[in-house]
Amino acid sequence: MTTPDHYELVALDHVQLAMPPGGEAEAEAFYCGVLGLDLIPKPDPLAARGGCWFRGGQVEVHLGVEADFRPARKAHPAFRVRKLDQLVGRIEASGRSFRWDTELPVVRRGYVDDPFGNRVELIDADSQRGHADNQRAGTDTQGAATQG
């Protein structure tokens, strides 16, 4: 959507999650070792703050240190995943649990917690459309036509 001032938001650049101080190794083990993202260097002016950044394909996740850290249990990133079943197997093999969600029958998805308790949603990109695609296609989350 273009605004009257002719600017528009064109893409999501990254998602930022919080982590406790000193959790960089755990973050790398999960985001790289389990989810398969690459660790990318933080710019020098930001590196002293701690935390770490990850990227894979069009996905970029930044973890920033918060001294009074509390995990995000409701707010969360949602990533579309090709071959979700293989990733779920990898998650479970790492000792983590994956929680399938069946509340939206047209979206095959579930959740995993990162090492700090932040919720991460994973959506099957191979067989289901995501939430936003359903809205753009004129269907609600139950698959019924919406009124425009």
Protein backbone atom coordinates (compact mmCIF):
# COMPACT_ATOMS: atom_id res chain seq x y z
CA MET A 1 0.00 0.00 0.00
CA THR A 2 1.33 3.40 -0.94
CA THR A 3 0.46 6.27 1.39
CA PRO A 4 -0.71 9.75 0.35
CA ASP A 5 2.89 10.90 0.93
CA HIS A 6 4.05 8.23 -1.57
CA TYR A 7 6.16 6.20 0.79
CA GLU A 8 5.62 2.51 1.43
CA LEU A 9 7.00 -0.18 3.68
CA VAL A 10 8.52 -2.69 1.26
CA ALA A 11 9.98 -5.52 3.33
CA LEU A 12 10.82 -6.70 6.81
CA ASP A 13 14.57 -6.26 7.31
CA HIS A 14 15.05 -8.35 10.45
CA VAL A 15 13.42 -9.55 13.64
CA GLN A 16 14.96 -8.68 17.00
CA LEU A 17 14.58 -10.97 19.99
CA ALA A 18 16.05 -10.53 23.45
CA MET A 19 18.42 -12.85 25.25
CA PRO A 20 20.14 -12.81 28.64
CA PRO A 21 23.76 -11.69 29.00
CA GLY A 22 26.32 -14.37 28.11
CA GLY A 23 23.94 -16.51 26.02
CA GLU A 24 25.72 -16.16 22.68
CA ALA A 25 26.99 -19.77 22.54
CA GLU A 26 23.50 -21.14 23.29
CA ALA A 27 22.01 -18.83 20.67
CA GLU A 28 24.51 -19.99 18.06
CA ALA A 29 23.88 -23.65 18.91
CA PHE A 30 20.15 -23.19 18.33
CA TYR A 31 19.90 -20.67 15.49
CA CYS A 32 22.84 -22.16 13.53
CA GLY A 33 23.01 -25.74 14.76
CA VAL A 34 19.28 -26.47 14.82
CA LEU A 35 17.53 -23.95 12.57
CA GLY A 36 20.38 -23.83 10.05
CA LEU A 37 20.95 -20.08 9.93
CA ASP A 38 24.43 -18.59 9.52
CA LEU A 39 26.07 -16.46 12.19
CA ILE A 40 26.85 -13.06 10.70
CA PRO A 41 29.17 -10.47 12.25
CA LYS A 42 27.62 -7.54 14.03
CA PRO A 43 28.92 -4.12 12.97
CA ASP A 44 31.80 -2.99 15.20
CA PRO A 45 29.86 -0.17 16.90
CA LEU A 46 27.21 -2.70 18.02
CA ALA A 47 29.38 -5.72 18.78
CA ALA A 48 30.39 -4.46 22.24
CA ARG A 49 26.74 -4.68 23.35
CA GLY A 50 26.81 -8.47 23.10
CA GLY A 51 24.20 -10.57 21.37
CA CYS A 52 24.45 -12.05 17.90
CA TRP A 53 22.94 -11.92 14.44
CA PHE A 54 21.87 -14.75 12.14
CA ARG A 55 20.83 -14.98 8.50
CA GLY A 56 19.56 -17.60 6.09
CA GLY A 57 17.89 -16.84 2.76
CA GLN A 58 15.57 -13.88 3.31
CA VAL A 59 15.45 -14.43 7.09
CA GLU A 60 17.51 -12.35 9.49
CA VAL A 61 17.28 -12.63 13.28
CA HIS A 62 19.09 -10.35 15.73
CA LEU A 63 19.41 -11.32 19.38
CA GLY A 64 20.11 -8.41 21.69
CA VAL A 65 21.19 -8.64 25.30
CA GLU A 66 18.81 -7.42 27.99
CA ALA A 67 20.06 -7.38 31.58
CA ASP A 68 16.53 -7.89 32.94
CA PHE A 69 15.66 -10.45 30.24
CA ARG A 70 12.20 -12.00 30.06
CA PRO A 71 11.39 -14.39 27.19
CA ALA A 72 8.82 -13.43 24.54
CA ARG A 73 6.12 -16.03 25.04
CA LYS A 74 3.37 -14.32 22.99
CA ALA A 75 5.18 -11.98 20.59
CA HIS A 76 7.21 -14.07 18.15
CA PRO A 77 8.71 -14.31 14.69
CA ALA A 78 7.03 -16.68 12.22
CA PHE A 79 9.26 -18.27 9.59
CA ARG A 80 8.06 -20.11 6.49
CA VAL A 81 10.02 -23.34 6.14
CA ARG A 82 10.47 -25.61 3.13
CA LYS A 83 10.53 -29.26 4.27
CA LEU A 84 9.13 -28.44 7.71
CA ASP A 85 8.92 -32.11 8.70
CA GLN A 86 12.68 -32.47 8.26
CA LEU A 87 13.29 -29.40 10.42
CA VAL A 88 10.90 -30.71 13.08
CA GLY A 89 12.91 -33.95 13.10
CA ARG A 90 16.10 -31.97 13.57
CA ILE A 91 14.52 -29.94 16.38
CA GLU A 92 13.37 -33.08 18.18
CA ALA A 93 16.74 -34.80 17.63
CA SER A 94 18.36 -31.81 19.38
CA GLY A 95 16.26 -32.55 22.47
CA ARG A 96 13.80 -29.71 21.97
CA SER A 97 10.07 -30.13 21.69
CA PHE A 98 8.02 -28.90 18.74
CA ARG A 99 4.37 -28.08 19.41
CA TRP A 100 2.08 -28.55 16.41
CA ASP A 101 -0.79 -26.07 16.24
CA THR A 102 -4.07 -27.09 14.57
CA GLU A 103 -6.19 -24.02 15.39
CA LEU A 104 -5.90 -22.71 11.81
CA PRO A 105 -6.61 -25.69 9.56
CA VAL A 106 -5.38 -23.96 6.38
CA VAL A 107 -1.98 -23.20 7.95
CA ARG A 108 0.26 -26.13 8.89
CA ARG A 109 2.44 -24.74 11.65
CA GLY A 110 3.87 -25.16 15.10
CA TYR A 111 6.17 -23.66 17.69
CA VAL A 112 9.57 -24.23 19.22
CA ASP A 113 11.21 -22.25 22.02
CA ASP A 114 14.73 -20.95 21.57
CA PRO A 115 17.22 -21.64 24.41
CA PHE A 116 15.95 -18.59 26.28
CA GLY A 117 12.22 -19.37 26.08
CA ASN A 118 11.38 -17.06 23.17
CA ARG A 119 8.61 -18.58 21.06
CA VAL A 120 9.42 -19.17 17.38
CA GLU A 121 6.65 -20.11 14.93
CA LEU A 122 7.46 -22.32 11.95
CA ILE A 123 5.00 -22.45 9.02
CA ASP A 124 5.06 -25.12 6.31
CA ALA A 125 5.91 -23.24 3.11
CA ASP A 126 5.54 -26.37 0.96
CA SER A 127 1.91 -27.21 1.51
CA GLN A 128 0.15 -24.29 3.16
CA ARG A 129 -0.14 -20.59 2.66
CA GLY A 130 0.79 -18.33 5.54
CA HIS A 131 -1.53 -15.97 7.38
CA ALA A 132 -0.76 -12.97 5.17
CA ASP A 133 -1.28 -14.96 1.95
CA ASN A 134 -4.73 -16.02 3.13
CA GLN A 135 -5.66 -12.39 3.74
CA ARG A 136 -4.33 -11.24 0.35
CA ALA A 137 -6.17 -14.08 -1.40
CA GLY A 138 -9.46 -12.96 0.17
CA THR A 139 -9.86 -15.84 2.60
CA ASP A 140 -9.93 -15.72 6.35
CA THR A 141 -7.89 -18.08 8.51
CA GLN A 142 -10.64 -20.71 8.26
CA GLY A 143 -10.50 -20.70 4.45
CA ALA A 144 -13.82 -18.90 3.93
CA ALA A 145 -14.11 -15.99 1.50
CA THR A 146 -13.81 -12.60 3.16
CA GLN A 147 -15.78 -9.53 2.25
CA GLY A 148 -13.78 -6.74 0.66
